Amino acid sequence: MNRKNLMLVLVAILLSATTSIATIKVYEKRQYNADYFSPTAKDKVPVKFASMSDTKIGSTDLTYAAERTVHSVVHVKVKQEVKNSIQEFGDPFFDFFFGQPRSFQQPEATTGAGSGVIISTDGYIVTNNHVIDNATEIEVTLNDKRTFKAKVIGTDPSTDVALIKIEATDLQPITIGNSDNLKVGEWVLAIGNPFNLTSTVTAGIISAKAREMDIVPSERKIESFIQTDAAINPGNSGGALVNTAGELVGINTAIASQTGSYIGYGFAIPTTIVSKVVRDLKDYGIVQRAVLGVKIANINDKLAKDKNLKTMDGAYVDDVVSNSSAKDAGIKQGDIIVAINDVRIKSVAELQEQVAAYRPGDNINVTVNRSNKEITLRVTLKNSSKNTNIVKAVDMDRLGATLEPLSIQTKQRLNYNGGLLVDEVQRGGLFAKAGIYKGFIILKINNKTVSSVKEVKEIYTEALNSEATDKVLLVTGINRAGVIKHYVVDLN
């Protein structure tokens, strides 16, 4: 190639490179100019840049909920007494009939801890019944580290809810929300004091609703738990489950775990139940519990086939109790309860949750599926005594007796799983008037097996509030000579 041609090629390459650089520079400059390129309508593509305000991340920012509620959650520390069996010699009757020396219960102090939620400016705090059960002393520590002694206002073993109170000022009560509005997948916070750590916040979602776990230790338990994967550990019991608005939607109660610590499943009592229980405990000292008076079952594939049911949702009515709310309203065996006051029912747990929100004397609409047609019936709710009277709280001191669970050794000797020992009898009390004395072993009251003071209280309450003219407790047990005896305790 001659010198002239070589020069032409070099000039062409140089011009091409210069043009490319200029084009790049212009593009880099013009890409920030909104008016530079404006495609026609047919060329437009709906594109949206992901700014923080445009994404869903903002909906899971839980700092607002945490800041709004953390000061409403408290640490609850309790002192309790447990009884240890110690052998007592010198009782020939007991030795002869039971083959071993009689044992008695030696009290020993223990401590426990949990959480609670402030619900009013005048010091009312809701927690779990199992947190303060059998407590001889309750101490509450606020988020600001102030400490107060608390007194028990009332307890409800059937729902595992308890209400306590402190005398304090400058409290920050939590806002109570409606757990019925919760959706599966919704974000929630669990706030409590696990492992004695104060003000611990964990996050998760609602995994399920209306869970029936068979964990409340009561024959008349009401279970319709909220399930969450927010971490709930020992010490969280009685703490708050709150939504993203910072509203209380549940009271943390239990975990499903083989180790005792969180493994992914936590359960909380919904506020639909908690709110009603708290109102009753404040107003009456005891829960005014309404019952429909039906024997019900969840619908499964077998039941649906056996009964030729066309729906799997609802609570199947297996039987109707005579003189009950359901009987009076016209609910029949074979009906499927599908709604309470327009709230749809899919299971027995959901039915229990809805009925638990009402008192005896309240009127509700019950929708049933009967022969594949839905009909709505007006029901006036009654209590377990089949009336609408206000149930009075019982004074256990009137019985004039100290009752203790039987030791394991005594249960084995009696070959009986329940029972209570009459440890003390006060002169002038109802037990003393009936002739019951110290050392008597109670097996049944009103034909119901008893193994705890709670069960005695439930039977006592039911008897005292019955419509019977003669209100009595029929106490059956074993005297110190090993003979079955019956005593009538007059409650009038």
Protein backbone atom coordinates (compact mmCIF):
# COMPACT_ATOMS: atom_id res chain seq x y z
CA MET A 1 0.00 0.00 0.00
CA ASN A 2 1.47 3.41 -1.03
CA ARG A 3 1.86 6.27 1.42
CA LYS A 4 -1.24 8.16 0.09
CA ASN A 5 -3.62 5.23 0.51
CA LEU A 6 -2.28 4.49 4.00
CA MET A 7 -2.99 8.05 5.08
CA LEU A 8 -6.59 7.84 3.79
CA VAL A 9 -7.23 4.64 5.80
CA LEU A 10 -5.85 6.18 9.00
CA VAL A 11 -8.01 9.28 8.56
CA ALA A 12 -11.13 7.12 8.04
CA ILE A 13 -10.43 5.07 11.20
CA LEU A 14 -9.83 8.23 13.21
CA LEU A 15 -13.10 9.81 12.03
CA SER A 16 -15.05 6.63 12.81
CA ALA A 17 -13.64 6.44 16.35
CA THR A 18 -14.36 10.11 16.96
CA THR A 19 -17.97 9.72 15.80
CA SER A 20 -18.47 6.68 18.10
CA ILE A 21 -17.10 8.54 21.11
CA ALA A 22 -19.30 11.53 20.33
CA THR A 23 -22.36 9.31 19.99
CA ILE A 24 -21.68 7.63 23.36
CA LYS A 25 -21.18 10.96 25.09
CA VAL A 26 -24.41 12.35 23.62
CA TYR A 27 -26.34 9.23 24.70
CA GLU A 28 -24.92 9.37 28.18
CA LYS A 29 -25.96 12.98 28.43
CA ARG A 30 -29.37 12.62 26.83
CA GLN A 31 -30.48 9.57 28.83
CA TYR A 32 -31.13 11.95 31.75
CA ASN A 33 -33.20 14.28 29.58
CA ALA A 34 -36.83 13.24 29.90
CA ASP A 35 -37.85 15.21 26.82
CA TYR A 36 -35.21 13.80 24.54
CA PHE A 37 -36.97 10.56 23.68
CA SER A 38 -40.76 10.40 23.65
CA PRO A 39 -42.11 7.27 21.98
CA THR A 40 -45.52 7.19 20.43
CA ALA A 41 -48.40 5.61 22.32
CA LYS A 42 -48.10 2.30 20.49
CA ASP A 43 -44.41 2.06 21.45
CA LYS A 44 -44.92 2.77 25.17
CA VAL A 45 -44.30 -0.09 27.62
CA PRO A 46 -45.67 0.16 31.21
CA VAL A 47 -42.45 0.23 33.24
CA LYS A 48 -42.22 1.34 36.89
CA PHE A 49 -38.97 1.77 38.74
CA ALA A 50 -38.78 0.09 42.18
CA SER A 51 -38.45 2.92 44.65
CA MET A 52 -38.90 2.19 48.40
CA SER A 53 -42.34 3.79 48.37
CA ASP A 54 -43.47 1.63 45.49
CA THR A 55 -42.48 -1.78 46.88
CA LYS A 56 -44.21 -4.00 49.40
CA ILE A 57 -41.27 -3.68 51.78
CA GLY A 58 -43.00 -0.79 53.52
CA SER A 59 -45.90 -3.05 54.56
CA THR A 60 -43.54 -5.28 56.54
CA ASP A 61 -41.72 -2.47 58.33
CA LEU A 62 -42.75 -3.35 61.88
CA THR A 63 -40.94 -0.58 63.73
CA TYR A 64 -44.15 1.44 64.16
CA ALA A 65 -45.98 -1.52 65.72
CA ALA A 66 -43.04 -2.30 68.00
CA GLU A 67 -42.61 1.28 69.19
CA ARG A 68 -46.32 1.63 69.81
CA THR A 69 -46.68 -1.51 71.93
CA VAL A 70 -43.42 -2.38 73.66
CA HIS A 71 -44.19 -0.08 76.63
CA SER A 72 -47.50 -1.89 77.19
CA VAL A 73 -45.91 -5.29 77.80
CA VAL A 74 -44.67 -6.14 81.29
CA HIS A 75 -42.63 -8.80 83.04
CA VAL A 76 -44.59 -10.88 85.56
CA LYS A 77 -42.69 -12.67 88.32
CA VAL A 78 -44.52 -14.96 90.75
CA LYS A 79 -43.78 -16.80 93.95
CA GLN A 80 -45.57 -20.10 94.38
CA GLU A 81 -45.75 -22.92 96.87
CA VAL A 82 -45.35 -26.52 95.84
CA LYS A 83 -45.92 -29.44 98.16
CA ASN A 84 -43.35 -32.16 98.72
CA SER A 85 -44.46 -35.41 100.28
CA ILE A 86 -42.95 -36.25 103.68
CA GLN A 87 -43.83 -39.39 105.61
CA GLU A 88 -45.57 -38.98 108.94
CA PHE A 89 -45.39 -41.82 111.46
CA GLY A 90 -47.67 -42.68 114.34
CA ASP A 91 -51.03 -43.04 112.53
CA PRO A 92 -51.99 -46.72 113.03
CA PHE A 93 -55.27 -46.45 111.11
CA PHE A 94 -53.57 -45.10 108.01
CA ASP A 95 -50.70 -47.58 108.34
CA PHE A 96 -53.09 -50.50 108.67
CA PHE A 97 -55.36 -49.73 105.73
CA PHE A 98 -52.78 -48.35 103.29
CA GLY A 99 -49.76 -50.43 104.31
CA GLN A 100 -47.41 -47.45 104.66
CA PRO A 101 -47.05 -44.43 106.92
CA ARG A 102 -49.24 -41.49 105.97
CA SER A 103 -47.51 -38.72 104.00
CA PHE A 104 -48.21 -35.03 104.29
CA GLN A 105 -47.39 -32.09 102.05
CA GLN A 106 -44.44 -29.89 103.01
CA PRO A 107 -44.68 -26.45 101.34
CA GLU A 108 -41.66 -25.28 99.38
CA ALA A 109 -41.31 -21.84 97.75
CA THR A 110 -40.61 -21.64 94.02
CA THR A 111 -40.56 -18.81 91.50
CA GLY A 112 -41.90 -18.47 87.98
CA ALA A 113 -42.08 -15.79 85.32
CA GLY A 114 -44.08 -14.73 82.31
CA SER A 115 -45.42 -11.64 80.59
CA GLY A 116 -48.50 -9.46 80.75
CA VAL A 117 -50.19 -6.70 78.75
CA ILE A 118 -51.41 -3.38 80.17
CA ILE A 119 -54.98 -2.79 78.98
CA SER A 120 -56.00 0.31 80.96
CA THR A 121 -54.51 3.47 82.44
CA ASP A 122 -55.64 2.42 85.93
CA GLY A 123 -53.44 -0.66 86.04
CA TYR A 124 -55.38 -3.65 84.71
CA ILE A 125 -53.09 -6.24 83.13
CA VAL A 126 -54.09 -9.37 81.22
CA THR A 127 -51.90 -12.47 81.34
CA ASN A 128 -52.24 -16.26 81.23
CA ASN A 129 -53.88 -18.16 84.04
CA HIS A 130 -51.02 -20.65 84.07
CA VAL A 131 -48.53 -17.81 84.67
CA ILE A 132 -50.08 -16.74 87.99
CA ASP A 133 -51.78 -19.99 89.00
CA ASN A 134 -51.32 -20.74 92.72
CA ALA A 135 -49.17 -17.63 93.14
CA THR A 136 -48.64 -16.38 96.68
CA GLU A 137 -47.03 -13.17 95.44
CA ILE A 138 -47.02 -11.40 92.05
CA GLU A 139 -44.50 -8.75 91.02
CA VAL A 140 -44.84 -6.71 87.83
CA THR A 141 -41.91 -4.89 86.21
CA LEU A 142 -42.76 -2.27 83.59
CA ASN A 143 -40.74 -1.49 80.49
CA ASP A 144 -39.39 1.61 82.26
CA LYS A 145 -38.10 -0.71 85.05
CA ARG A 146 -40.60 0.39 87.71
CA THR A 147 -41.77 -2.53 89.86
CA PHE A 148 -45.16 -3.05 91.54
CA LYS A 149 -46.97 -5.71 93.54
CA ALA A 150 -50.07 -7.03 91.75
CA LYS A 151 -53.31 -8.55 92.97
CA VAL A 152 -55.47 -11.09 91.17
CA ILE A 153 -58.83 -9.75 89.96
CA GLY A 154 -60.00 -13.00 88.44
CA THR A 155 -58.97 -16.08 86.49
CA ASP A 156 -60.56 -18.27 83.83
CA PRO A 157 -58.95 -21.72 83.56
CA SER A 158 -61.25 -22.61 80.63
CA THR A 159 -59.51 -20.08 78.36
CA ASP A 160 -56.21 -19.72 80.28
CA VAL A 161 -56.83 -15.99 80.77
CA ALA A 162 -56.19 -14.08 84.01
CA LEU A 163 -56.65 -10.46 85.03
CA ILE A 164 -54.35 -8.78 87.56
CA LYS A 165 -54.03 -5.17 88.72
CA ILE A 166 -51.30 -2.82 89.92
CA GLU A 167 -51.60 0.61 91.54
CA ALA A 168 -49.55 2.80 89.21
CA THR A 169 -49.68 5.97 87.12
CA ASP A 170 -48.28 7.01 83.74
CA LEU A 171 -49.15 3.67 82.17
CA GLN A 172 -49.38 3.10 78.43
CA PRO A 173 -52.24 0.68 77.69
CA ILE A 174 -52.29 -1.22 74.45
CA THR A 175 -54.96 -0.70 71.79
CA ILE A 176 -57.11 -3.81 71.46
CA GLY A 177 -57.89 -4.92 67.90
CA ASN A 178 -60.33 -7.43 66.44
CA SER A 179 -58.77 -10.85 65.87
CA ASP A 180 -61.66 -11.78 63.56
CA ASN A 181 -60.11 -9.47 60.96
CA LEU A 182 -56.78 -11.32 60.87
CA LYS A 183 -55.80 -12.99 57.61
CA VAL A 184 -53.55 -16.00 57.18
CA GLY A 185 -50.20 -14.69 55.93
CA GLU A 186 -50.55 -11.35 57.71
CA TRP A 187 -47.50 -10.04 59.57
CA VAL A 188 -47.57 -9.95 63.38
CA LEU A 189 -45.20 -9.27 66.28
CA ALA A 190 -44.82 -11.32 69.46
CA ILE A 191 -43.74 -9.13 72.38
CA GLY A 192 -42.78 -10.55 75.75
CA ASN A 193 -40.06 -11.48 78.18
CA PRO A 194 -38.62 -14.87 77.18
CA PHE A 195 -35.93 -16.34 79.43
CA ASN A 196 -36.40 -13.33 81.77
CA LEU A 197 -35.18 -10.97 79.03
CA THR A 198 -37.24 -7.79 78.98
CA SER A 199 -38.90 -6.21 75.95
CA THR A 200 -38.13 -8.85 73.36
CA VAL A 201 -39.80 -8.46 69.95
CA THR A 202 -40.02 -11.20 67.31
CA ALA A 203 -41.81 -11.15 63.96
CA GLY A 204 -43.70 -13.69 61.91
CA ILE A 205 -46.94 -14.29 60.07
CA ILE A 206 -50.34 -15.72 60.90
CA SER A 207 -49.93 -19.38 59.97
CA ALA A 208 -53.48 -20.51 60.81
CA LYS A 209 -56.56 -19.59 62.81
CA ALA A 210 -58.97 -21.49 65.08
CA ARG A 211 -56.47 -24.14 66.10
CA GLU A 212 -57.70 -26.65 68.69
CA MET A 213 -54.61 -28.00 70.50
CA ASP A 214 -56.01 -29.73 73.61
CA ILE A 215 -53.50 -27.94 75.86
CA VAL A 216 -55.76 -26.02 78.27
CA PRO A 217 -56.03 -28.17 81.43
CA SER A 218 -59.77 -27.77 81.97
CA GLU A 219 -62.71 -30.06 81.28
CA ARG A 220 -64.58 -27.06 79.90
CA LYS A 221 -61.72 -25.70 77.85
CA ILE A 222 -62.34 -23.27 75.01
CA GLU A 223 -59.60 -23.41 72.40
CA SER A 224 -59.46 -21.48 69.16
CA PHE A 225 -55.82 -20.45 68.95
CA ILE A 226 -54.09 -18.17 66.48
CA GLN A 227 -51.04 -20.00 65.12
CA THR A 228 -47.96 -17.95 64.27
CA ASP A 229 -44.35 -18.59 63.34
CA ALA A 230 -43.20 -15.55 65.35
CA ALA A 231 -40.78 -16.92 67.95
CA ILE A 232 -42.51 -17.59 71.28
CA ASN A 233 -40.29 -18.97 74.05
CA PRO A 234 -40.63 -19.71 77.79
CA GLY A 235 -41.47 -16.41 79.49
CA ASN A 236 -43.49 -15.15 76.52
CA SER A 237 -46.68 -16.59 78.03
CA GLY A 238 -49.11 -13.75 78.68
CA GLY A 239 -47.34 -11.44 76.23
CA ALA A 240 -48.80 -9.59 73.27
CA LEU A 241 -49.39 -10.67 69.69
CA VAL A 242 -49.92 -7.46 67.70
CA ASN A 243 -50.65 -6.59 64.08
CA THR A 244 -48.76 -4.08 61.95
CA ALA A 245 -51.02 -1.28 63.22
CA GLY A 246 -49.80 -1.96 66.76
CA GLU A 247 -53.13 -3.42 67.90
CA LEU A 248 -53.40 -6.37 70.26
CA VAL A 249 -54.86 -9.37 68.42
CA GLY A 250 -53.89 -12.17 70.80
CA ILE A 251 -52.30 -13.20 74.09
CA ASN A 252 -49.32 -15.51 73.55
CA THR A 253 -49.89 -18.77 75.37
CA ALA A 254 -48.03 -21.84 74.16
CA ILE A 255 -45.54 -23.37 71.77
CA ALA A 256 -45.57 -26.74 70.05
CA SER A 257 -42.15 -28.12 70.92
CA GLN A 258 -40.43 -31.24 72.17
CA THR A 259 -37.62 -29.17 73.69
CA GLY A 260 -39.64 -26.47 75.47
CA SER A 261 -38.24 -23.77 73.19
CA TYR A 262 -39.42 -22.30 69.91
CA ILE A 263 -39.26 -24.57 66.84
CA GLY A 264 -41.64 -22.74 64.52
CA TYR A 265 -45.11 -23.03 66.06
CA GLY A 266 -46.58 -20.61 68.57
CA PHE A 267 -50.17 -20.13 69.71
CA ALA A 268 -52.11 -17.14 71.02
CA ILE A 269 -55.60 -16.64 72.45
CA PRO A 270 -57.58 -14.37 70.09
CA THR A 271 -58.86 -11.04 71.38
CA THR A 272 -62.44 -12.06 70.59
CA ILE A 273 -62.13 -14.42 73.56
CA VAL A 274 -59.78 -12.32 75.71
CA SER A 275 -61.87 -9.13 75.58
CA LYS A 276 -65.05 -10.88 76.75
CA VAL A 277 -63.28 -12.75 79.56
CA VAL A 278 -61.62 -9.56 80.80
CA ARG A 279 -64.93 -7.64 80.84
CA ASP A 280 -66.56 -10.38 82.88
CA LEU A 281 -63.70 -10.66 85.36
CA LYS A 282 -63.77 -6.88 85.90
CA ASP A 283 -67.55 -6.72 86.25
CA TYR A 284 -68.31 -9.95 88.12
CA GLY A 285 -65.05 -11.58 89.22
CA ILE A 286 -66.10 -14.66 87.25
CA VAL A 287 -66.81 -15.36 83.58
CA GLN A 288 -70.45 -15.32 82.51
CA ARG A 289 -70.22 -18.20 80.06
CA ALA A 290 -72.94 -18.77 77.50
CA VAL A 291 -73.57 -22.21 76.03
CA LEU A 292 -75.67 -23.32 73.08
CA GLY A 293 -76.48 -26.70 74.53
CA VAL A 294 -75.45 -28.90 71.62
CA LYS A 295 -73.09 -31.83 71.19
CA ILE A 296 -71.06 -31.03 68.10
CA ALA A 297 -68.39 -32.54 65.89
CA ASN A 298 -66.03 -31.42 63.16
CA ILE A 299 -66.99 -32.66 59.72
CA ASN A 300 -64.52 -35.05 58.15
CA ASP A 301 -64.77 -37.29 55.12
CA LYS A 302 -66.12 -40.25 57.09
CA LEU A 303 -68.82 -38.23 58.83
CA ALA A 304 -69.81 -36.59 55.55
CA LYS A 305 -70.24 -39.99 53.89
CA ASP A 306 -72.04 -41.57 56.85
CA LYS A 307 -74.51 -38.67 57.16
CA ASN A 308 -74.66 -37.89 53.42
CA LEU A 309 -73.53 -34.31 54.02
CA LYS A 310 -72.98 -32.01 51.05
CA THR A 311 -70.65 -29.59 52.86
CA MET A 312 -67.43 -30.00 54.81
CA ASP A 313 -67.66 -26.60 56.51
CA GLY A 314 -69.39 -26.01 59.82
CA ALA A 315 -70.02 -27.80 63.11
CA TYR A 316 -72.24 -30.88 62.91
CA VAL A 317 -74.95 -31.09 65.59
CA ASP A 318 -74.84 -34.64 66.93
CA ASP A 319 -77.35 -34.02 69.72
CA VAL A 320 -79.34 -31.21 71.34
CA VAL A 321 -79.55 -30.87 75.13
CA SER A 322 -83.06 -30.59 76.56
CA ASN A 323 -84.16 -27.18 77.87
CA SER A 324 -81.11 -25.59 76.27
CA SER A 325 -80.74 -22.45 74.17
CA ALA A 326 -80.46 -24.55 71.02
CA LYS A 327 -83.53 -26.64 71.87
CA ASP A 328 -85.66 -23.57 72.55
CA ALA A 329 -84.58 -21.97 69.25
CA GLY A 330 -85.37 -25.03 67.15
CA ILE A 331 -81.88 -26.30 66.35
CA LYS A 332 -82.12 -30.00 65.50
CA GLN A 333 -79.91 -33.04 65.47
CA GLY A 334 -78.30 -33.29 62.04
CA ASP A 335 -78.12 -29.53 61.52
CA ILE A 336 -74.78 -28.02 60.52
CA ILE A 337 -74.02 -24.70 62.21
CA VAL A 338 -72.40 -22.54 59.53
CA ALA A 339 -72.60 -18.98 60.92
CA ILE A 340 -73.00 -16.95 64.11
CA ASN A 341 -74.23 -13.41 63.49
CA ASP A 342 -73.01 -13.59 59.88
CA VAL A 343 -69.52 -14.76 60.89
CA ARG A 344 -68.96 -17.96 58.90
CA ILE A 345 -68.11 -21.10 60.87
CA LYS A 346 -65.89 -23.86 59.50
CA SER A 347 -65.08 -25.86 62.64
CA VAL A 348 -65.99 -26.59 66.24
CA ALA A 349 -63.17 -24.32 67.43
CA GLU A 350 -64.55 -21.38 65.44
CA LEU A 351 -68.03 -22.00 66.85
CA GLN A 352 -66.67 -22.04 70.41
CA GLU A 353 -64.76 -18.83 69.78
CA GLN A 354 -67.83 -16.98 68.53
CA VAL A 355 -70.19 -18.18 71.27
CA ALA A 356 -67.55 -17.38 73.92
CA ALA A 357 -67.84 -13.70 72.97
CA TYR A 358 -71.40 -13.51 74.40
CA ARG A 359 -73.06 -13.65 77.80
CA PRO A 360 -76.14 -15.58 78.95
CA GLY A 361 -79.19 -13.56 77.98
CA ASP A 362 -77.64 -12.26 74.76
CA ASN A 363 -79.53 -12.91 71.53
CA ILE A 364 -77.62 -14.17 68.51
CA ASN A 365 -78.46 -15.32 65.00
CA VAL A 366 -77.42 -18.91 64.32
CA THR A 367 -77.42 -20.02 60.69
CA VAL A 368 -77.70 -23.76 60.11
CA ASN A 369 -77.54 -25.91 57.01
CA ARG A 370 -80.56 -28.21 57.17
CA SER A 371 -81.21 -30.58 54.28
CA ASN A 372 -78.82 -28.49 52.13
CA LYS A 373 -80.74 -25.28 52.80
CA GLU A 374 -79.52 -22.50 55.09
CA ILE A 375 -81.94 -21.12 57.66
CA THR A 376 -81.28 -18.55 60.38
CA LEU A 377 -82.64 -19.01 63.90
CA ARG A 378 -82.81 -16.47 66.73
CA VAL A 379 -81.19 -17.90 69.87
CA THR A 380 -81.30 -16.58 73.43
CA LEU A 381 -78.17 -17.89 75.12
CA LYS A 382 -78.24 -19.56 78.54
CA ASN A 383 -75.55 -20.59 81.01
CA SER A 384 -74.63 -24.14 82.00
CA SER A 385 -77.43 -24.11 84.59
CA LYS A 386 -79.87 -23.55 81.70
CA ASN A 387 -80.91 -20.05 82.72
CA THR A 388 -79.89 -16.47 81.99
CA ASN A 389 -79.07 -15.46 85.56
CA ILE A 390 -75.80 -13.74 86.44
CA VAL A 391 -73.44 -16.33 87.89
CA LYS A 392 -72.05 -15.33 91.28
CA ALA A 393 -68.40 -15.77 92.14
CA VAL A 394 -67.98 -18.27 94.96
CA ASP A 395 -66.03 -17.62 98.13
CA MET A 396 -63.95 -20.73 98.68
CA ASP A 397 -63.27 -19.58 102.24
CA ARG A 398 -66.91 -20.40 103.07
CA LEU A 399 -66.08 -24.07 102.77
CA GLY A 400 -63.62 -23.62 105.61
CA ALA A 401 -61.12 -26.20 104.41
CA THR A 402 -57.63 -26.43 102.98
CA LEU A 403 -57.50 -28.98 100.17
CA GLU A 404 -54.34 -30.51 98.74
CA PRO A 405 -53.81 -32.86 95.78
CA LEU A 406 -52.94 -36.39 96.79
CA SER A 407 -49.31 -37.42 96.65
CA ILE A 408 -48.25 -39.91 93.99
CA GLN A 409 -47.65 -42.52 96.69
CA THR A 410 -51.17 -42.13 98.10
CA LYS A 411 -52.72 -42.36 94.61
CA GLN A 412 -50.79 -45.57 94.01
CA ARG A 413 -51.91 -47.04 97.33
CA LEU A 414 -55.52 -46.13 96.60
CA ASN A 415 -55.22 -47.20 92.97
CA TYR A 416 -57.07 -43.98 92.15
CA ASN A 417 -55.90 -41.23 89.82
CA GLY A 418 -57.78 -38.28 91.33
CA GLY A 419 -58.62 -37.20 94.83
CA LEU A 420 -57.94 -34.39 97.30
CA LEU A 421 -56.76 -34.50 100.89
CA VAL A 422 -58.58 -32.35 103.45
CA ASP A 423 -55.48 -30.89 105.10
CA GLU A 424 -57.18 -28.43 107.44
CA VAL A 425 -60.77 -27.76 108.57
CA GLN A 426 -61.77 -24.43 110.11
CA ARG A 427 -64.39 -24.30 112.85
CA GLY A 428 -67.63 -22.75 111.61
CA GLY A 429 -66.97 -23.54 107.93
CA LEU A 430 -69.37 -25.49 105.72
CA PHE A 431 -67.16 -28.60 105.73
CA ALA A 432 -67.01 -28.62 109.54
CA LYS A 433 -70.79 -28.23 109.76
CA ALA A 434 -71.21 -31.21 107.42
CA GLY A 435 -68.93 -33.36 109.60
CA ILE A 436 -65.94 -33.51 107.24
CA TYR A 437 -62.67 -33.56 109.17
CA LYS A 438 -58.93 -33.31 108.63
CA GLY A 439 -57.44 -36.34 106.89
CA PHE A 440 -60.57 -37.17 104.86
CA ILE A 441 -59.79 -37.99 101.22
CA ILE A 442 -62.30 -36.54 98.74
CA LEU A 443 -62.85 -38.66 95.63
CA LYS A 444 -65.98 -37.07 94.12
CA ILE A 445 -68.20 -34.04 94.57
CA ASN A 446 -71.69 -34.15 93.08
CA ASN A 447 -70.69 -37.41 91.34
CA LYS A 448 -67.77 -35.71 89.54
CA THR A 449 -64.19 -36.85 90.10
CA VAL A 450 -61.99 -34.10 91.55
CA SER A 451 -58.22 -33.83 91.62
CA SER A 452 -57.66 -30.07 91.99
CA VAL A 453 -59.03 -27.10 93.90
CA LYS A 454 -60.03 -25.57 90.53
CA GLU A 455 -62.38 -28.46 89.85
CA VAL A 456 -63.91 -28.09 93.32
CA LYS A 457 -64.44 -24.40 92.64
CA GLU A 458 -66.13 -25.11 89.29
CA ILE A 459 -68.52 -27.63 90.88
CA TYR A 460 -69.16 -25.30 93.83
CA THR A 461 -69.95 -22.42 91.45
CA GLU A 462 -72.32 -24.54 89.39
CA ALA A 463 -74.16 -25.80 92.47
CA LEU A 464 -74.44 -22.36 94.07
CA ASN A 465 -75.87 -20.84 90.89
CA SER A 466 -78.27 -23.66 90.06
CA GLU A 467 -82.03 -23.15 90.22
CA ALA A 468 -82.44 -25.98 92.72
CA THR A 469 -84.19 -25.02 95.94
CA ASP A 470 -81.75 -27.02 98.04
CA LYS A 471 -78.23 -26.14 96.95
CA VAL A 472 -75.81 -28.80 98.19
CA LEU A 473 -72.48 -30.48 97.58
CA LEU A 474 -72.51 -34.26 97.88
CA VAL A 475 -68.97 -35.14 98.96
CA THR A 476 -67.83 -38.74 98.56
CA GLY A 477 -64.51 -40.04 99.86
CA ILE A 478 -62.52 -42.28 102.18
CA ASN A 479 -62.14 -41.70 105.90
CA ARG A 480 -59.03 -42.56 107.90
CA ALA A 481 -60.41 -46.02 108.62
CA GLY A 482 -60.51 -46.74 104.89
CA VAL A 483 -64.32 -46.64 104.71
CA ILE A 484 -66.25 -44.92 101.91
CA LYS A 485 -68.30 -42.07 103.38
CA HIS A 486 -70.79 -39.54 101.98
CA TYR A 487 -71.35 -36.03 103.34
CA VAL A 488 -73.89 -33.38 102.37
CA VAL A 489 -72.60 -29.79 102.44
CA ASP A 490 -75.52 -27.34 102.67
CA LEU A 491 -74.87 -24.18 100.61
CA ASN A 492 -78.08 -22.31 101.45
